[in-house]
Amino acid sequence: MEDAAWEFQHSVECSASKSLAWSFWTDVSNWERLEGKAVEWIKIYGPFAAGTSGETKMPEQPPQPWIITQLEPERSARIEMPVAGAIFVNEMRMEALSLQRTRITQRLSLVGDKAKALAGAMGMFETSAPQGLAKLAKTIEELS
């Protein structure tokens, strides 16, 4: 993979099994619940598997396509979203720390020809991603 013009990684620990955490996160209908008013809808066109595409519709913006490019079931997934001559990459990894404890790591990056020009705008994710992961962990813990 090419060098990223920007990247950010954050992890949280969750008091739930890796299986439950993975099952919840890979159910795309849960993403709308987690994102709240930041999105109008999120759709996936097939199973949560490598090669499956989807779209995210944010208020007052056209739908943004994305594709699952890599998947290791119950372990990790890589989703790529094209943005203005670059690719926004969202990688999620789940690691069992014990039977009822899971570390969830999200790595975000921006790659591609025009990634350097867009990198300055990515700083917002350095605040929102940790908040989103904390909300994800809390929601999963409420299910266990």
N, C-alpha and C. Protein backbone atom coordinates (compact mmCIF):
# COMPACT_ATOMS: atom_id res chain seq x y z
N MET A 1 0.85 -1.19 0.00
CA MET A 1 0.00 0.00 0.00
C MET A 1 0.88 1.24 0.00
N GLU A 2 0.41 2.24 -0.69
CA GLU A 2 1.18 3.48 -0.77
C GLU A 2 1.21 4.20 0.58
N ASP A 3 2.15 5.11 0.69
CA ASP A 3 2.27 5.87 1.93
C ASP A 3 1.06 6.78 2.12
N ALA A 4 0.62 6.88 3.35
CA ALA A 4 -0.53 7.73 3.68
C ALA A 4 -0.06 9.17 3.87
N ALA A 5 -0.84 10.11 3.34
CA ALA A 5 -0.57 11.53 3.55
C ALA A 5 -1.01 11.93 4.95
N TRP A 6 -1.95 11.18 5.52
CA TRP A 6 -2.44 11.42 6.88
C TRP A 6 -2.90 10.08 7.42
N GLU A 7 -2.68 9.85 8.71
CA GLU A 7 -3.25 8.67 9.36
C GLU A 7 -3.41 8.93 10.85
N PHE A 8 -4.37 8.21 11.41
CA PHE A 8 -4.68 8.34 12.83
C PHE A 8 -5.17 6.99 13.32
N GLN A 9 -4.74 6.59 14.49
CA GLN A 9 -5.17 5.33 15.07
C GLN A 9 -5.57 5.54 16.52
N HIS A 10 -6.63 4.84 16.92
CA HIS A 10 -7.10 4.93 18.30
C HIS A 10 -7.69 3.57 18.69
N SER A 11 -7.55 3.20 19.96
CA SER A 11 -8.10 1.94 20.46
C SER A 11 -8.93 2.19 21.71
N VAL A 12 -9.93 1.34 21.91
CA VAL A 12 -10.71 1.32 23.14
C VAL A 12 -10.84 -0.14 23.57
N GLU A 13 -11.10 -0.34 24.85
CA GLU A 13 -11.38 -1.68 25.34
C GLU A 13 -12.85 -1.75 25.70
N CYS A 14 -13.42 -2.90 25.46
CA CYS A 14 -14.86 -3.10 25.59
C CYS A 14 -15.11 -4.35 26.43
N SER A 15 -16.01 -4.25 27.39
CA SER A 15 -16.36 -5.40 28.23
C SER A 15 -17.44 -6.24 27.54
N ALA A 16 -17.00 -6.93 26.50
CA ALA A 16 -17.87 -7.83 25.74
C ALA A 16 -16.97 -8.78 24.95
N SER A 17 -17.54 -9.88 24.52
CA SER A 17 -16.76 -10.83 23.74
C SER A 17 -16.42 -10.25 22.37
N LYS A 18 -15.34 -10.74 21.80
CA LYS A 18 -14.96 -10.29 20.46
C LYS A 18 -16.06 -10.64 19.46
N SER A 19 -16.66 -11.79 19.63
CA SER A 19 -17.73 -12.22 18.73
C SER A 19 -18.91 -11.24 18.75
N LEU A 20 -19.32 -10.82 19.95
CA LEU A 20 -20.41 -9.86 20.06
C LEU A 20 -20.02 -8.52 19.45
N ALA A 21 -18.81 -8.05 19.76
CA ALA A 21 -18.35 -6.77 19.22
C ALA A 21 -18.31 -6.81 17.70
N TRP A 22 -17.79 -7.88 17.14
CA TRP A 22 -17.70 -8.01 15.68
C TRP A 22 -19.09 -8.07 15.06
N SER A 23 -19.95 -8.88 15.64
CA SER A 23 -21.31 -9.04 15.13
C SER A 23 -22.06 -7.70 15.11
N PHE A 24 -21.92 -6.93 16.19
CA PHE A 24 -22.59 -5.63 16.26
C PHE A 24 -22.02 -4.68 15.20
N TRP A 25 -20.69 -4.59 15.13
CA TRP A 25 -20.08 -3.62 14.23
C TRP A 25 -20.32 -3.96 12.76
N THR A 26 -20.34 -5.23 12.40
CA THR A 26 -20.53 -5.60 11.00
C THR A 26 -21.99 -5.57 10.56
N ASP A 27 -22.89 -5.29 11.46
CA ASP A 27 -24.30 -5.06 11.11
C ASP A 27 -24.42 -3.57 10.79
N VAL A 28 -24.38 -3.25 9.50
CA VAL A 28 -24.32 -1.86 9.05
C VAL A 28 -25.52 -1.04 9.53
N SER A 29 -26.64 -1.68 9.82
CA SER A 29 -27.79 -0.93 10.34
C SER A 29 -27.46 -0.27 11.68
N ASN A 30 -26.50 -0.81 12.41
CA ASN A 30 -26.08 -0.20 13.68
C ASN A 30 -25.28 1.08 13.46
N TRP A 31 -24.67 1.25 12.30
CA TRP A 31 -23.85 2.43 12.05
C TRP A 31 -24.68 3.71 12.09
N GLU A 32 -25.89 3.66 11.53
CA GLU A 32 -26.77 4.84 11.56
C GLU A 32 -27.07 5.23 13.00
N ARG A 33 -27.34 4.25 13.83
CA ARG A 33 -27.64 4.50 15.24
C ARG A 33 -26.44 5.16 15.93
N LEU A 34 -25.25 4.70 15.62
CA LEU A 34 -24.04 5.26 16.23
C LEU A 34 -23.74 6.66 15.71
N GLU A 35 -23.99 6.90 14.44
CA GLU A 35 -23.67 8.19 13.82
C GLU A 35 -24.70 9.28 14.13
N GLY A 36 -25.91 8.88 14.47
CA GLY A 36 -26.95 9.86 14.81
C GLY A 36 -27.26 10.79 13.65
N LYS A 37 -27.38 12.06 13.94
CA LYS A 37 -27.78 13.05 12.94
C LYS A 37 -26.67 13.39 11.95
N ALA A 38 -25.47 12.84 12.14
CA ALA A 38 -24.38 13.09 11.20
C ALA A 38 -24.63 12.43 9.85
N VAL A 39 -25.53 11.43 9.82
CA VAL A 39 -25.87 10.76 8.56
C VAL A 39 -27.39 10.68 8.40
N GLU A 40 -27.82 10.69 7.14
CA GLU A 40 -29.24 10.46 6.85
C GLU A 40 -29.50 8.96 6.75
N TRP A 41 -28.58 8.25 6.09
CA TRP A 41 -28.69 6.80 5.98
C TRP A 41 -27.36 6.20 5.56
N ILE A 42 -27.24 4.89 5.82
CA ILE A 42 -26.09 4.10 5.40
C ILE A 42 -26.64 2.80 4.84
N LYS A 43 -26.20 2.44 3.64
CA LYS A 43 -26.69 1.22 2.99
C LYS A 43 -25.51 0.34 2.59
N ILE A 44 -25.73 -0.96 2.65
CA ILE A 44 -24.76 -1.94 2.15
C ILE A 44 -25.50 -2.79 1.13
N TYR A 45 -24.82 -3.10 0.03
CA TYR A 45 -25.45 -3.82 -1.07
C TYR A 45 -24.93 -5.25 -1.14
N GLY A 46 -25.27 -6.03 -0.14
CA GLY A 46 -24.84 -7.41 -0.06
C GLY A 46 -24.36 -7.73 1.34
N PRO A 47 -23.73 -8.89 1.49
CA PRO A 47 -23.24 -9.29 2.82
C PRO A 47 -22.01 -8.46 3.21
N PHE A 48 -21.71 -8.44 4.49
CA PHE A 48 -20.50 -7.76 4.96
C PHE A 48 -19.33 -8.67 4.60
N ALA A 49 -18.77 -8.44 3.40
CA ALA A 49 -17.71 -9.29 2.87
C ALA A 49 -16.82 -8.47 1.95
N ALA A 50 -15.60 -8.94 1.74
CA ALA A 50 -14.70 -8.25 0.82
C ALA A 50 -15.36 -8.16 -0.56
N GLY A 51 -15.30 -6.98 -1.14
CA GLY A 51 -15.90 -6.75 -2.45
C GLY A 51 -17.29 -6.14 -2.40
N THR A 52 -17.92 -6.17 -1.25
CA THR A 52 -19.27 -5.60 -1.11
C THR A 52 -19.17 -4.08 -1.01
N SER A 53 -20.09 -3.41 -1.69
CA SER A 53 -20.10 -1.95 -1.67
C SER A 53 -21.26 -1.43 -0.84
N GLY A 54 -21.20 -0.14 -0.55
CA GLY A 54 -22.26 0.52 0.18
C GLY A 54 -22.20 2.01 -0.09
N GLU A 55 -23.09 2.73 0.56
CA GLU A 55 -23.12 4.18 0.44
C GLU A 55 -23.50 4.80 1.77
N THR A 56 -22.99 5.99 2.00
CA THR A 56 -23.34 6.77 3.18
C THR A 56 -23.87 8.12 2.70
N LYS A 57 -25.03 8.51 3.19
CA LYS A 57 -25.65 9.79 2.82
C LYS A 57 -25.62 10.71 4.04
N MET A 58 -24.86 11.80 3.91
CA MET A 58 -24.81 12.81 4.97
C MET A 58 -25.74 13.95 4.58
N PRO A 59 -26.26 14.68 5.55
CA PRO A 59 -27.19 15.77 5.25
C PRO A 59 -26.60 16.76 4.23
N GLU A 60 -27.42 17.13 3.29
CA GLU A 60 -27.09 18.13 2.27
C GLU A 60 -25.89 17.75 1.40
N GLN A 61 -25.61 16.46 1.29
CA GLN A 61 -24.53 15.98 0.44
C GLN A 61 -25.03 14.78 -0.37
N PRO A 62 -24.43 14.55 -1.54
CA PRO A 62 -24.82 13.36 -2.29
C PRO A 62 -24.31 12.10 -1.58
N PRO A 63 -24.91 10.94 -1.86
CA PRO A 63 -24.42 9.70 -1.26
C PRO A 63 -22.95 9.47 -1.60
N GLN A 64 -22.21 8.99 -0.63
CA GLN A 64 -20.77 8.73 -0.81
C GLN A 64 -20.57 7.22 -0.87
N PRO A 65 -20.07 6.69 -2.01
CA PRO A 65 -19.86 5.24 -2.12
C PRO A 65 -18.64 4.78 -1.33
N TRP A 66 -18.67 3.54 -0.90
CA TRP A 66 -17.54 2.90 -0.24
C TRP A 66 -17.55 1.41 -0.58
N ILE A 67 -16.41 0.76 -0.32
CA ILE A 67 -16.30 -0.67 -0.60
C ILE A 67 -15.45 -1.34 0.48
N ILE A 68 -15.86 -2.55 0.86
CA ILE A 68 -15.07 -3.36 1.77
C ILE A 68 -13.99 -4.02 0.92
N THR A 69 -12.73 -3.65 1.15
CA THR A 69 -11.65 -4.16 0.30
C THR A 69 -10.91 -5.34 0.92
N GLN A 70 -10.95 -5.45 2.23
CA GLN A 70 -10.30 -6.58 2.91
C GLN A 70 -11.15 -6.99 4.10
N LEU A 71 -11.18 -8.28 4.37
CA LEU A 71 -11.95 -8.78 5.51
C LEU A 71 -11.31 -10.04 6.05
N GLU A 72 -11.06 -10.05 7.34
CA GLU A 72 -10.69 -11.25 8.07
C GLU A 72 -11.81 -11.43 9.09
N PRO A 73 -12.75 -12.36 8.85
CA PRO A 73 -13.92 -12.50 9.72
C PRO A 73 -13.57 -12.54 11.21
N GLU A 74 -14.34 -11.79 11.97
CA GLU A 74 -14.20 -11.65 13.42
C GLU A 74 -12.84 -11.13 13.85
N ARG A 75 -12.13 -10.48 12.90
CA ARG A 75 -10.81 -9.94 13.23
C ARG A 75 -10.62 -8.52 12.71
N SER A 76 -10.78 -8.32 11.39
CA SER A 76 -10.52 -6.99 10.84
C SER A 76 -11.24 -6.78 9.52
N ALA A 77 -11.44 -5.51 9.21
CA ALA A 77 -12.04 -5.12 7.94
C ALA A 77 -11.43 -3.79 7.51
N ARG A 78 -11.34 -3.63 6.20
CA ARG A 78 -10.83 -2.39 5.61
C ARG A 78 -11.89 -1.89 4.64
N ILE A 79 -12.30 -0.64 4.85
CA ILE A 79 -13.31 -0.01 4.00
C ILE A 79 -12.67 1.21 3.35
N GLU A 80 -12.83 1.33 2.04
CA GLU A 80 -12.26 2.45 1.31
C GLU A 80 -13.36 3.30 0.70
N MET A 81 -13.17 4.62 0.80
CA MET A 81 -14.14 5.58 0.28
C MET A 81 -13.38 6.60 -0.58
N PRO A 82 -13.70 6.69 -1.87
CA PRO A 82 -13.03 7.69 -2.69
C PRO A 82 -13.48 9.11 -2.33
N VAL A 83 -12.51 10.02 -2.24
CA VAL A 83 -12.82 11.43 -1.95
C VAL A 83 -11.89 12.33 -2.77
N ALA A 84 -12.40 13.00 -3.76
CA ALA A 84 -11.69 14.04 -4.52
C ALA A 84 -10.25 13.70 -4.88
N GLY A 85 -10.04 12.61 -5.59
CA GLY A 85 -8.70 12.25 -6.02
C GLY A 85 -7.87 11.52 -4.98
N ALA A 86 -8.48 11.11 -3.89
CA ALA A 86 -7.79 10.37 -2.83
C ALA A 86 -8.72 9.25 -2.36
N ILE A 87 -8.23 8.45 -1.43
CA ILE A 87 -9.04 7.38 -0.85
C ILE A 87 -8.94 7.48 0.66
N PHE A 88 -10.11 7.61 1.30
CA PHE A 88 -10.20 7.60 2.76
C PHE A 88 -10.34 6.15 3.18
N VAL A 89 -9.44 5.68 4.05
CA VAL A 89 -9.41 4.29 4.47
C VAL A 89 -9.77 4.18 5.94
N ASN A 90 -10.73 3.30 6.23
CA ASN A 90 -11.15 3.02 7.60
C ASN A 90 -10.87 1.55 7.86
N GLU A 91 -9.94 1.27 8.77
CA GLU A 91 -9.62 -0.10 9.14
C GLU A 91 -10.04 -0.33 10.58
N MET A 92 -10.80 -1.39 10.81
CA MET A 92 -11.22 -1.76 12.15
C MET A 92 -10.63 -3.12 12.47
N ARG A 93 -10.12 -3.24 13.69
CA ARG A 93 -9.53 -4.50 14.14
C ARG A 93 -10.09 -4.82 15.53
N MET A 94 -10.45 -6.08 15.73
CA MET A 94 -10.96 -6.55 17.01
C MET A 94 -9.98 -7.58 17.56
N GLU A 95 -9.60 -7.43 18.82
CA GLU A 95 -8.65 -8.34 19.45
C GLU A 95 -9.21 -8.78 20.80
N ALA A 96 -9.36 -10.08 20.98
CA ALA A 96 -9.84 -10.61 22.26
C ALA A 96 -8.74 -10.48 23.31
N LEU A 97 -9.05 -9.80 24.39
CA LEU A 97 -8.12 -9.70 25.52
C LEU A 97 -8.41 -10.78 26.54
N SER A 98 -9.68 -11.21 26.58
CA SER A 98 -10.15 -12.32 27.41
C SER A 98 -11.48 -12.74 26.81
N LEU A 99 -12.18 -13.67 27.45
CA LEU A 99 -13.47 -14.10 26.89
C LEU A 99 -14.49 -12.97 26.84
N GLN A 100 -14.41 -12.04 27.78
CA GLN A 100 -15.39 -10.95 27.85
C GLN A 100 -14.73 -9.57 27.77
N ARG A 101 -13.61 -9.49 27.11
CA ARG A 101 -12.92 -8.20 26.97
C ARG A 101 -12.30 -8.13 25.57
N THR A 102 -12.58 -7.05 24.86
CA THR A 102 -12.13 -6.89 23.48
C THR A 102 -11.50 -5.52 23.29
N ARG A 103 -10.40 -5.49 22.58
CA ARG A 103 -9.80 -4.21 22.17
C ARG A 103 -10.25 -3.95 20.73
N ILE A 104 -10.82 -2.77 20.52
CA ILE A 104 -11.26 -2.34 19.19
C ILE A 104 -10.32 -1.22 18.76
N THR A 105 -9.68 -1.41 17.63
CA THR A 105 -8.75 -0.41 17.11
C THR A 105 -9.23 0.07 15.75
N GLN A 106 -9.27 1.37 15.61
CA GLN A 106 -9.64 1.98 14.33
C GLN A 106 -8.43 2.74 13.81
N ARG A 107 -8.07 2.47 12.57
CA ARG A 107 -6.99 3.19 11.91
C ARG A 107 -7.57 3.87 10.69
N LEU A 108 -7.45 5.17 10.65
CA LEU A 108 -7.95 5.97 9.53
C LEU A 108 -6.75 6.51 8.77
N SER A 109 -6.85 6.56 7.45
CA SER A 109 -5.77 7.12 6.66
C SER A 109 -6.32 7.70 5.36
N LEU A 110 -5.47 8.50 4.73
CA LEU A 110 -5.81 9.13 3.46
C LEU A 110 -4.65 8.86 2.51
N VAL A 111 -4.94 8.23 1.39
CA VAL A 111 -3.92 7.87 0.40
C VAL A 111 -4.37 8.34 -0.98
N GLY A 112 -3.46 8.34 -1.91
CA GLY A 112 -3.79 8.66 -3.29
C GLY A 112 -3.12 9.92 -3.77
N ASP A 113 -3.30 10.20 -5.06
CA ASP A 113 -2.64 11.31 -5.74
C ASP A 113 -2.88 12.66 -5.08
N LYS A 114 -4.08 12.93 -4.65
CA LYS A 114 -4.41 14.25 -4.09
C LYS A 114 -4.55 14.23 -2.57
N ALA A 115 -4.08 13.16 -1.95
CA ALA A 115 -4.23 13.01 -0.49
C ALA A 115 -3.52 14.13 0.27
N LYS A 116 -2.34 14.53 -0.16
CA LYS A 116 -1.60 15.57 0.57
C LYS A 116 -2.37 16.88 0.60
N ALA A 117 -3.06 17.20 -0.49
CA ALA A 117 -3.84 18.44 -0.54
C ALA A 117 -5.04 18.40 0.40
N LEU A 118 -5.53 17.22 0.70
CA LEU A 118 -6.71 17.07 1.57
C LEU A 118 -6.36 16.76 3.02
N ALA A 119 -5.11 16.44 3.29
CA ALA A 119 -4.70 15.96 4.61
C ALA A 119 -5.03 16.94 5.74
N GLY A 120 -4.93 18.23 5.49
CA GLY A 120 -5.20 19.22 6.53
C GLY A 120 -6.62 19.16 7.06
N ALA A 121 -7.56 18.73 6.24
CA ALA A 121 -8.96 18.66 6.65
C ALA A 121 -9.27 17.42 7.48
N MET A 122 -8.33 16.51 7.60
CA MET A 122 -8.58 15.25 8.28
C MET A 122 -8.47 15.36 9.80
N GLY A 123 -7.93 16.46 10.32
CA GLY A 123 -7.75 16.62 11.75
C GLY A 123 -9.01 16.44 12.57
N MET A 124 -10.17 16.73 11.98
CA MET A 124 -11.43 16.58 12.71
C MET A 124 -11.64 15.14 13.17
N PHE A 125 -11.10 14.19 12.42
CA PHE A 125 -11.26 12.78 12.79
C PHE A 125 -10.45 12.42 14.03
N GLU A 126 -9.43 13.21 14.35
CA GLU A 126 -8.62 12.93 15.53
C GLU A 126 -9.39 13.21 16.82
N THR A 127 -10.47 13.97 16.72
CA THR A 127 -11.38 14.19 17.84
C THR A 127 -12.59 13.27 17.74
N SER A 128 -13.19 13.19 16.55
CA SER A 128 -14.44 12.44 16.39
C SER A 128 -14.24 10.92 16.45
N ALA A 129 -13.12 10.41 15.96
CA ALA A 129 -12.90 8.96 15.98
C ALA A 129 -12.85 8.40 17.41
N PRO A 130 -12.07 9.00 18.32
CA PRO A 130 -12.09 8.48 19.69
C PRO A 130 -13.48 8.55 20.33
N GLN A 131 -14.21 9.62 20.07
CA GLN A 131 -15.57 9.73 20.60
C GLN A 131 -16.47 8.64 20.02
N GLY A 132 -16.33 8.39 18.71
CA GLY A 132 -17.12 7.35 18.06
C GLY A 132 -16.79 5.96 18.59
N LEU A 133 -15.51 5.68 18.80
CA LEU A 133 -15.13 4.38 19.35
C LEU A 133 -15.64 4.20 20.77
N ALA A 134 -15.59 5.25 21.56
CA ALA A 134 -16.11 5.17 22.93
C ALA A 134 -17.62 4.87 22.91
N LYS A 135 -18.33 5.50 22.00
CA LYS A 135 -19.78 5.26 21.87
C LYS A 135 -20.04 3.83 21.39
N LEU A 136 -19.23 3.35 20.44
CA LEU A 136 -19.36 1.98 19.97
C LEU A 136 -19.16 0.99 21.12
N ALA A 137 -18.10 1.17 21.89
CA ALA A 137 -17.81 0.26 23.00
C ALA A 137 -18.94 0.27 24.03
N LYS A 138 -19.42 1.46 24.37
CA LYS A 138 -20.49 1.58 25.36
C LYS A 138 -21.77 0.90 24.87
N THR A 139 -22.10 1.09 23.60
CA THR A 139 -23.31 0.48 23.05
C THR A 139 -23.19 -1.05 23.05
N ILE A 140 -22.03 -1.56 22.67
CA ILE A 140 -21.82 -3.01 22.69
C ILE A 140 -21.91 -3.55 24.11
N GLU A 141 -21.31 -2.85 25.07
CA GLU A 141 -21.35 -3.30 26.47
C GLU A 141 -22.78 -3.34 26.99
N GLU A 142 -23.63 -2.45 26.54
CA GLU A 142 -25.03 -2.45 26.97
C GLU A 142 -25.77 -3.69 26.47
N LEU A 143 -25.27 -4.32 25.42
CA LEU A 143 -25.89 -5.53 24.87
C LEU A 143 -25.45 -6.79 25.59
N SER A 144 -24.27 -6.73 26.24
CA SER A 144 -23.74 -7.97 26.83
C SER A 144 -24.24 -8.22 28.24
